[in-house]
PDB file of N, CA and C in Angstrom:
ATOM      1  N   MET A   1      29.564 -23.160 -49.889  1.00  0.00           N
ATOM      2  CA  MET A   1      28.829 -24.475 -50.160  1.00  0.00           C
ATOM      3  C   MET A   1      27.896 -24.678 -48.997  1.00  0.00           C
ATOM      4  N   SER A   2      26.988 -25.526 -49.231  1.00  0.00           N
ATOM      5  CA  SER A   2      26.171 -25.722 -47.960  1.00  0.00           C
ATOM      6  C   SER A   2      25.579 -27.292 -48.263  1.00  0.00           C
ATOM      7  N   TRP A   3      24.882 -27.604 -47.226  1.00  0.00           N
ATOM      8  CA  TRP A   3      24.289 -29.075 -47.028  1.00  0.00           C
ATOM      9  C   TRP A   3      23.150 -29.129 -48.067  1.00  0.00           C
ATOM     10  N   ASP A   4      22.612 -28.124 -48.779  1.00  0.00           N
ATOM     11  CA  ASP A   4      21.476 -28.230 -49.746  1.00  0.00           C
ATOM     12  C   ASP A   4      22.147 -28.452 -51.201  1.00  0.00           C
ATOM     13  N   GLN A   5      23.457 -28.403 -51.283  1.00  0.00           N
ATOM     14  CA  GLN A   5      24.182 -28.662 -52.566  1.00  0.00           C
ATOM     15  C   GLN A   5      23.795 -30.071 -53.118  1.00  0.00           C
ATOM     16  N   ARG A   6      23.453 -30.044 -54.375  1.00  0.00           N
ATOM     17  CA  ARG A   6      23.025 -31.344 -55.082  1.00  0.00           C
ATOM     18  C   ARG A   6      24.204 -32.083 -55.590  1.00  0.00           C
ATOM     19  N   PHE A   7      24.092 -33.318 -55.457  1.00  0.00           N
ATOM     20  CA  PHE A   7      25.087 -34.375 -56.200  1.00  0.00           C
ATOM     21  C   PHE A   7      24.859 -34.126 -57.744  1.00  0.00           C
ATOM     22  N   PHE A   8      25.957 -34.154 -58.418  1.00  0.00           N
ATOM     23  CA  PHE A   8      25.809 -34.099 -60.067  1.00  0.00           C
ATOM     24  C   PHE A   8      24.855 -35.269 -60.401  1.00  0.00           C
ATOM     25  N   ASP A   9      25.166 -36.467 -60.115  1.00  0.00           N
ATOM     26  CA  ASP A   9      24.165 -37.440 -60.238  1.00  0.00           C
ATOM     27  C   ASP A   9      23.586 -37.874 -58.923  1.00  0.00           C
ATOM     28  N   PRO A  10      22.287 -38.210 -58.871  1.00  0.00           N
ATOM     29  CA  PRO A  10      21.671 -38.617 -57.590  1.00  0.00           C
ATOM     30  C   PRO A  10      22.227 -40.029 -57.247  1.00  0.00           C
ATOM     31  N   ILE A  11      22.330 -40.473 -56.140  1.00  0.00           N
ATOM     32  CA  ILE A  11      22.874 -41.696 -55.634  1.00  0.00           C
ATOM     33  C   ILE A  11      21.664 -42.522 -55.315  1.00  0.00           C
ATOM     34  N   GLU A  12      21.577 -43.543 -56.078  1.00  0.00           N
ATOM     35  CA  GLU A  12      20.294 -44.478 -55.971  1.00  0.00           C
ATOM     36  C   GLU A  12      20.602 -45.522 -54.845  1.00  0.00           C
ATOM     37  N   LEU A  13      19.667 -45.614 -54.067  1.00  0.00           N
ATOM     38  CA  LEU A  13      19.732 -46.611 -52.837  1.00  0.00           C
ATOM     39  C   LEU A  13      19.223 -48.050 -53.156  1.00  0.00           C
ATOM     40  N   PRO A  14      19.595 -48.992 -52.575  1.00  0.00           N
ATOM     41  CA  PRO A  14      19.304 -50.411 -52.824  1.00  0.00           C
ATOM     42  C   PRO A  14      17.611 -50.471 -53.104  1.00  0.00           C
ATOM     43  N   ARG A  15      16.848 -49.721 -52.286  1.00  0.00           N
ATOM     44  CA  ARG A  15      15.231 -49.928 -52.555  1.00  0.00           C
ATOM     45  C   ARG A  15      14.803 -48.870 -53.247  1.00  0.00           C
ATOM     46  N   GLY A  16      15.589 -48.106 -54.223  1.00  0.00           N
ATOM     47  CA  GLY A  16      14.973 -47.212 -55.194  1.00  0.00           C
ATOM     48  C   GLY A  16      14.970 -45.757 -54.749  1.00  0.00           C
ATOM     49  N   ARG A  17      15.149 -45.526 -53.586  1.00  0.00           N
ATOM     50  CA  ARG A  17      15.233 -44.106 -53.044  1.00  0.00           C
ATOM     51  C   ARG A  17      16.572 -43.509 -53.444  1.00  0.00           C
ATOM     52  N   LYS A  18      16.413 -42.215 -53.643  1.00  0.00           N
ATOM     53  CA  LYS A  18      17.649 -41.529 -54.085  1.00  0.00           C
ATOM     54  C   LYS A  18      18.070 -40.411 -53.198  1.00  0.00           C
ATOM     55  N   LEU A  19      19.399 -40.385 -53.172  1.00  0.00           N
ATOM     56  CA  LEU A  19      20.033 -39.190 -52.299  1.00  0.00           C
ATOM     57  C   LEU A  19      20.329 -38.175 -53.268  1.00  0.00           C
ATOM     58  N   VAL A  20      19.596 -36.972 -53.139  1.00  0.00           N
ATOM     59  CA  VAL A  20      20.033 -36.029 -54.197  1.00  0.00           C
ATOM     60  C   VAL A  20      20.871 -34.782 -53.622  1.00  0.00           C
ATOM     61  N   THR A  21      20.805 -34.527 -52.362  1.00  0.00           N
ATOM     62  CA  THR A  21      21.693 -33.439 -51.807  1.00  0.00           C
ATOM     63  C   THR A  21      22.572 -33.969 -50.783  1.00  0.00           C
ATOM     64  N   LEU A  22      23.402 -33.160 -50.337  1.00  0.00           N
ATOM     65  CA  LEU A  22      24.450 -33.577 -49.243  1.00  0.00           C
ATOM     66  C   LEU A  22      23.727 -33.816 -47.909  1.00  0.00           C
ATOM     67  N   HIS A  23      22.669 -32.993 -47.724  1.00  0.00           N
ATOM     68  CA  HIS A  23      21.944 -33.195 -46.436  1.00  0.00           C
ATOM     69  C   HIS A  23      21.179 -34.569 -46.415  1.00  0.00           C
ATOM     70  N   ASP A  24      20.599 -34.999 -47.691  1.00  0.00           N
ATOM     71  CA  ASP A  24      20.146 -36.472 -47.872  1.00  0.00           C
ATOM     72  C   ASP A  24      20.886 -37.427 -47.528  1.00  0.00           C
ATOM     73  N   ALA A  25      22.069 -37.284 -47.958  1.00  0.00           N
ATOM     74  CA  ALA A  25      23.266 -38.164 -47.732  1.00  0.00           C
ATOM     75  C   ALA A  25      23.657 -38.445 -46.170  1.00  0.00           C
ATOM     76  N   ALA A  26      23.729 -37.116 -45.606  1.00  0.00           N
ATOM     77  CA  ALA A  26      24.108 -37.116 -44.005  1.00  0.00           C
ATOM     78  C   ALA A  26      23.014 -37.752 -43.383  1.00  0.00           C
ATOM     79  N   LEU A  27      21.800 -37.390 -43.654  1.00  0.00           N
ATOM     80  CA  LEU A  27      20.577 -37.985 -42.896  1.00  0.00           C
ATOM     81  C   LEU A  27      20.427 -39.583 -43.054  1.00  0.00           C
ATOM     82  N   TYR A  28      20.892 -39.919 -44.294  1.00  0.00           N
ATOM     83  CA  TYR A  28      20.798 -41.411 -44.314  1.00  0.00           C
ATOM     84  C   TYR A  28      21.933 -41.981 -43.502  1.00  0.00           C
ATOM     85  N   ILE A  29      23.157 -41.569 -43.376  1.00  0.00           N
ATOM     86  CA  ILE A  29      24.212 -42.053 -42.621  1.00  0.00           C
ATOM     87  C   ILE A  29      23.870 -41.955 -41.123  1.00  0.00           C
ATOM     88  N   THR A  30      23.271 -40.966 -40.746  1.00  0.00           N
ATOM     89  CA  THR A  30      22.920 -40.785 -39.247  1.00  0.00           C
ATOM     90  C   THR A  30      21.827 -41.877 -38.790  1.00  0.00           C
ATOM     91  N   LYS A  31      21.051 -42.063 -39.794  1.00  0.00           N
ATOM     92  CA  LYS A  31      19.874 -43.112 -39.394  1.00  0.00           C
ATOM     93  C   LYS A  31      20.262 -44.738 -39.760  1.00  0.00           C
ATOM     94  N   LEU A  32      21.632 -44.870 -40.065  1.00  0.00           N
ATOM     95  CA  LEU A  32      22.038 -46.363 -40.176  1.00  0.00           C
ATOM     96  C   LEU A  32      22.190 -46.926 -38.690  1.00  0.00           C
ATOM     97  N   PRO A  33      22.036 -48.235 -38.507  1.00  0.00           N
ATOM     98  CA  PRO A  33      22.315 -48.887 -37.283  1.00  0.00           C
ATOM     99  C   PRO A  33      23.709 -48.588 -36.728  1.00  0.00           C
ATOM    100  N   LYS A  34      23.948 -48.441 -35.485  1.00  0.00           N
ATOM    101  CA  LYS A  34      25.208 -48.044 -35.004  1.00  0.00           C
ATOM    102  C   LYS A  34      26.464 -48.992 -35.591  1.00  0.00           C
ATOM    103  N   ALA A  35      26.180 -50.303 -35.547  1.00  0.00           N
ATOM    104  CA  ALA A  35      27.288 -51.061 -36.071  1.00  0.00           C
ATOM    105  C   ALA A  35      27.749 -50.761 -37.568  1.00  0.00           C
ATOM    106  N   GLU A  36      26.698 -50.360 -38.305  1.00  0.00           N
ATOM    107  CA  GLU A  36      26.915 -50.019 -39.765  1.00  0.00           C
ATOM    108  C   GLU A  36      27.352 -48.647 -39.874  1.00  0.00           C
ATOM    109  N   HIS A  37      27.074 -47.702 -39.025  1.00  0.00           N
ATOM    110  CA  HIS A  37      27.374 -46.400 -39.081  1.00  0.00           C
ATOM    111  C   HIS A  37      28.788 -46.173 -38.568  1.00  0.00           C
ATOM    112  N   ASP A  38      29.211 -47.054 -37.718  1.00  0.00           N
ATOM    113  CA  ASP A  38      30.637 -46.955 -37.196  1.00  0.00           C
ATOM    114  C   ASP A  38      31.492 -47.469 -38.147  1.00  0.00           C
ATOM    115  N   ALA A  39      31.260 -48.221 -39.189  1.00  0.00           N
ATOM    116  CA  ALA A  39      32.178 -48.834 -40.228  1.00  0.00           C
ATOM    117  C   ALA A  39      32.993 -47.832 -40.848  1.00  0.00           C
ATOM    118  N   LYS A  40      34.250 -48.153 -41.049  1.00  0.00           N
ATOM    119  CA  LYS A  40      35.152 -47.172 -41.643  1.00  0.00           C
ATOM    120  C   LYS A  40      34.747 -46.575 -42.961  1.00  0.00           C
ATOM    121  N   GLU A  41      34.056 -47.187 -43.834  1.00  0.00           N
ATOM    122  CA  GLU A  41      33.620 -46.636 -45.010  1.00  0.00           C
ATOM    123  C   GLU A  41      32.592 -45.463 -44.905  1.00  0.00           C
ATOM    124  N   TRP A  42      31.710 -45.873 -43.854  1.00  0.00           N
ATOM    125  CA  TRP A  42      30.652 -44.797 -43.667  1.00  0.00           C
ATOM    126  C   TRP A  42      31.133 -43.567 -42.868  1.00  0.00           C
ATOM    127  N   GLN A  43      32.149 -43.662 -42.103  1.00  0.00           N
ATOM    128  CA  GLN A  43      32.942 -42.698 -41.420  1.00  0.00           C
ATOM    129  C   GLN A  43      33.510 -41.910 -42.440  1.00  0.00           C
ATOM    130  N   ALA A  44      34.321 -42.605 -43.377  1.00  0.00           N
ATOM    131  CA  ALA A  44      34.975 -41.852 -44.502  1.00  0.00           C
ATOM    132  C   ALA A  44      34.007 -41.077 -45.407  1.00  0.00           C
ATOM    133  N   ALA A  45      32.864 -41.605 -45.546  1.00  0.00           N
ATOM    134  CA  ALA A  45      31.756 -41.039 -46.378  1.00  0.00           C
ATOM    135  C   ALA A  45      31.330 -39.693 -45.665  1.00  0.00           C
ATOM    136  N   MET A  46      31.184 -39.855 -44.303  1.00  0.00           N
ATOM    137  CA  MET A  46      30.778 -38.511 -43.690  1.00  0.00           C
ATOM    138  C   MET A  46      31.814 -37.529 -43.528  1.00  0.00           C
ATOM    139  N   GLN A  47      33.008 -37.932 -43.420  1.00  0.00           N
ATOM    140  CA  GLN A  47      34.150 -37.031 -43.625  1.00  0.00           C
ATOM    141  C   GLN A  47      34.064 -36.232 -44.965  1.00  0.00           C
ATOM    142  N   ALA A  48      33.853 -37.004 -45.938  1.00  0.00           N
ATOM    143  CA  ALA A  48      33.932 -36.384 -47.381  1.00  0.00           C
ATOM    144  C   ALA A  48      32.741 -35.420 -47.501  1.00  0.00           C
ATOM    145  N   LEU A  49      31.527 -35.621 -46.925  1.00  0.00           N
ATOM    146  CA  LEU A  49      30.307 -34.909 -46.811  1.00  0.00           C
ATOM    147  C   LEU A  49      30.744 -33.537 -46.204  1.00  0.00           C
ATOM    148  N   LEU A  50      31.364 -33.701 -45.016  1.00  0.00           N
ATOM    149  CA  LEU A  50      31.760 -32.480 -44.207  1.00  0.00           C
ATOM    150  C   LEU A  50      32.748 -31.599 -44.911  1.00  0.00           C
ATOM    151  N   LEU A  51      33.742 -32.220 -45.590  1.00  0.00           N
ATOM    152  CA  LEU A  51      34.691 -31.592 -46.513  1.00  0.00           C
ATOM    153  C   LEU A  51      33.846 -30.568 -47.499  1.00  0.00           C
ATOM    154  N   VAL A  52      32.967 -31.350 -48.171  1.00  0.00           N
ATOM    155  CA  VAL A  52      32.321 -30.565 -49.338  1.00  0.00           C
ATOM    156  C   VAL A  52      31.425 -29.471 -48.700  1.00  0.00           C
ATOM    157  N   ALA A  53      30.645 -29.832 -47.661  1.00  0.00           N
ATOM    158  CA  ALA A  53      29.615 -29.016 -47.205  1.00  0.00           C
ATOM    159  C   ALA A  53      30.152 -27.783 -46.465  1.00  0.00           C
ATOM    160  N   GLU A  54      31.358 -28.015 -45.651  1.00  0.00           N
ATOM    161  CA  GLU A  54      31.745 -26.919 -44.837  1.00  0.00           C
ATOM    162  C   GLU A  54      33.001 -26.476 -45.158  1.00  0.00           C
ATOM    163  N   ARG A  55      33.840 -26.930 -46.118  1.00  0.00           N
ATOM    164  CA  ARG A  55      35.096 -26.493 -46.516  1.00  0.00           C
ATOM    165  C   ARG A  55      35.167 -26.296 -47.991  1.00  0.00           C
ATOM    166  N   ASP A  56      34.110 -26.370 -48.653  1.00  0.00           N
ATOM    167  CA  ASP A  56      34.212 -25.933 -50.149  1.00  0.00           C
ATOM    168  C   ASP A  56      34.809 -26.972 -50.914  1.00  0.00           C
ATOM    169  N   GLY A  57      34.828 -28.179 -50.478  1.00  0.00           N
ATOM    170  CA  GLY A  57      35.489 -29.443 -51.349  1.00  0.00           C
ATOM    171  C   GLY A  57      34.782 -29.742 -52.531  1.00  0.00           C
ATOM    172  N   ASP A  58      35.448 -30.634 -53.244  1.00  0.00           N
ATOM    173  CA  ASP A  58      34.992 -31.097 -54.656  1.00  0.00           C
ATOM    174  C   ASP A  58      33.766 -31.980 -54.300  1.00  0.00           C
ATOM    175  N   PRO A  59      32.527 -31.822 -54.854  1.00  0.00           N
ATOM    176  CA  PRO A  59      31.382 -32.605 -54.553  1.00  0.00           C
ATOM    177  C   PRO A  59      31.492 -34.201 -55.034  1.00  0.00           C
ATOM    178  N   MET A  60      32.560 -34.390 -55.894  1.00  0.00           N
ATOM    179  CA  MET A  60      32.744 -35.696 -56.342  1.00  0.00           C
ATOM    180  C   MET A  60      33.299 -36.361 -55.277  1.00  0.00           C
ATOM    181  N   PHE A  61      34.045 -35.912 -54.372  1.00  0.00           N
ATOM    182  CA  PHE A  61      34.656 -36.737 -53.103  1.00  0.00           C
ATOM    183  C   PHE A  61      33.475 -37.419 -52.372  1.00  0.00           C
ATOM    184  N   ALA A  62      32.530 -36.558 -52.023  1.00  0.00           N
ATOM    185  CA  ALA A  62      31.150 -36.972 -51.173  1.00  0.00           C
ATOM    186  C   ALA A  62      30.543 -38.011 -52.078  1.00  0.00           C
ATOM    187  N   HIS A  63      30.413 -37.819 -53.367  1.00  0.00           N
ATOM    188  CA  HIS A  63      29.708 -38.772 -54.283  1.00  0.00           C
ATOM    189  C   HIS A  63      30.483 -40.157 -54.249  1.00  0.00           C
ATOM    190  N   ILE A  64      31.889 -40.187 -54.435  1.00  0.00           N
ATOM    191  CA  ILE A  64      32.579 -41.490 -54.353  1.00  0.00           C
ATOM    192  C   ILE A  64      32.489 -42.029 -53.047  1.00  0.00           C
ATOM    193  N   GLY A  65      32.633 -41.313 -51.840  1.00  0.00           N
ATOM    194  CA  GLY A  65      32.587 -41.675 -50.547  1.00  0.00           C
ATOM    195  C   GLY A  65      31.422 -42.577 -50.153  1.00  0.00           C
ATOM    196  N   MET A  66      30.268 -41.886 -50.691  1.00  0.00           N
ATOM    197  CA  MET A  66      28.792 -42.635 -50.566  1.00  0.00           C
ATOM    198  C   MET A  66      28.834 -43.899 -51.272  1.00  0.00           C
ATOM    199  N   LEU A  67      29.154 -43.828 -52.547  1.00  0.00           N
ATOM    200  CA  LEU A  67      29.231 -45.141 -53.286  1.00  0.00           C
ATOM    201  C   LEU A  67      30.117 -46.247 -52.845  1.00  0.00           C
ATOM    202  N   ARG A  68      31.251 -45.780 -52.282  1.00  0.00           N
ATOM    203  CA  ARG A  68      32.161 -46.820 -51.714  1.00  0.00           C
ATOM    204  C   ARG A  68      31.632 -47.550 -50.563  1.00  0.00           C
ATOM    205  N   ALA A  69      30.871 -46.641 -49.680  1.00  0.00           N
ATOM    206  CA  ALA A  69      30.247 -47.113 -48.435  1.00  0.00           C
ATOM    207  C   ALA A  69      29.049 -48.021 -48.708  1.00  0.00           C
ATOM    208  N   LEU A  70      28.349 -47.528 -49.701  1.00  0.00           N
ATOM    209  CA  LEU A  70      27.128 -48.476 -50.180  1.00  0.00           C
ATOM    210  C   LEU A  70      27.517 -49.823 -50.645  1.00  0.00           C
ATOM    211  N   ASN A  71      28.515 -49.744 -51.383  1.00  0.00           N
ATOM    212  CA  ASN A  71      29.057 -51.065 -52.029  1.00  0.00           C
ATOM    213  C   ASN A  71      30.098 -51.538 -51.262  1.00  0.00           C
ATOM    214  N   ARG A  72      30.112 -51.553 -49.991  1.00  0.00           N
ATOM    215  CA  ARG A  72      31.415 -52.089 -49.287  1.00  0.00           C
ATOM    216  C   ARG A  72      31.358 -53.587 -49.160  1.00  0.00           C
ATOM    217  N   HIS A  73      30.240 -54.119 -49.335  1.00  0.00           N
ATOM    218  CA  HIS A  73      29.941 -55.633 -49.199  1.00  0.00           C
ATOM    219  C   HIS A  73      29.835 -56.336 -50.691  1.00  0.00           C
ATOM    220  N   VAL A  74      30.026 -55.581 -51.517  1.00  0.00           N
ATOM    221  CA  VAL A  74      29.974 -56.038 -53.058  1.00  0.00           C
ATOM    222  C   VAL A  74      31.434 -56.526 -53.291  1.00  0.00           C
ATOM    223  N   GLU A  75      31.482 -57.907 -53.828  1.00  0.00           N
ATOM    224  CA  GLU A  75      32.645 -58.405 -54.023  1.00  0.00           C
ATOM    225  C   GLU A  75      33.076 -58.049 -55.516  1.00  0.00           C
ATOM    226  N   ARG A  76      34.247 -57.520 -55.785  1.00  0.00           N
ATOM    227  CA  ARG A  76      34.605 -57.406 -57.289  1.00  0.00           C
ATOM    228  C   ARG A  76      35.261 -58.605 -57.799  1.00  0.00           C
ATOM    229  N   VAL A  77      34.847 -58.858 -58.986  1.00  0.00           N
ATOM    230  CA  VAL A  77      35.230 -60.100 -59.722  1.00  0.00           C
ATOM    231  C   VAL A  77      35.788 -59.763 -60.979  1.00  0.00           C
ATOM    232  N   LEU A  78      36.953 -60.311 -61.368  1.00  0.00           N
ATOM    233  CA  LEU A  78      37.620 -60.135 -62.521  1.00  0.00           C
ATOM    234  C   LEU A  78      36.963 -60.917 -63.540  1.00  0.00           C
ATOM    235  N   ASN A  79      36.665 -60.423 -64.706  1.00  0.00           N
ATOM    236  CA  ASN A  79      35.950 -61.198 -65.877  1.00  0.00           C
ATOM    237  C   ASN A  79      37.084 -61.741 -66.619  1.00  0.00           C
ATOM    238  N   GLN A  80      37.470 -62.985 -66.419  1.00  0.00           N
ATOM    239  CA  GLN A  80      38.596 -63.632 -67.179  1.00  0.00           C
ATOM    240  C   GLN A  80      38.334 -63.731 -68.711  1.00  0.00           C
ATOM    241  N   SER A  81      36.972 -63.660 -68.962  1.00  0.00           N
ATOM    242  CA  SER A  81      36.813 -63.771 -70.535  1.00  0.00           C
ATOM    243  C   SER A  81      37.332 -62.673 -71.310  1.00  0.00           C
ATOM    244  N   ARG A  82      37.492 -61.614 -70.563  1.00  0.00           N
ATOM    245  CA  ARG A  82      37.863 -60.350 -71.215  1.00  0.00           C
ATOM    246  C   ARG A  82      39.340 -60.199 -71.295  1.00  0.00           C
ATOM    247  N   LYS A  83      40.026 -60.990 -70.690  1.00  0.00           N
ATOM    248  CA  LYS A  83      41.513 -60.953 -70.476  1.00  0.00           C
ATOM    249  C   LYS A  83      42.194 -61.509 -71.711  1.00  0.00           C
ATOM    250  N   SER A  84      43.063 -60.599 -72.238  1.00  0.00           N
ATOM    251  CA  SER A  84      43.724 -61.083 -73.533  1.00  0.00           C
ATOM    252  C   SER A  84      45.010 -61.718 -73.181  1.00  0.00           C
ATOM    253  N   ASP A  85      45.427 -62.778 -74.010  1.00  0.00           N
ATOM    254  CA  ASP A  85      46.862 -63.454 -73.703  1.00  0.00           C
ATOM    255  C   ASP A  85      47.778 -62.674 -74.501  1.00  0.00           C
ATOM    256  N   HIS A  86      48.944 -62.605 -74.084  1.00  0.00           N
ATOM    257  CA  HIS A  86      50.003 -61.884 -74.701  1.00  0.00           C
ATOM    258  C   HIS A  86      51.022 -62.806 -75.547  1.00  0.00           C
TER     259      HIS A  86
END
């Protein structure tokens, strides 16, 4: 594997830009402000990228790591209207 490997689905960034390759994702992380870059979610995403690019890991790990880091401030809310009573 290499850093030129493409994600199965490109990762869309908040401003419309897309990360297509592992290299794109790594550059994106390295250009983050230091406080953001040092967050545990971004560090985990970078570790996943390294695993895929240098150790022939499953590309889905890198994809999931990037999405989790990008959405780390998004609050998950349970939709109570879909909950069924037993």
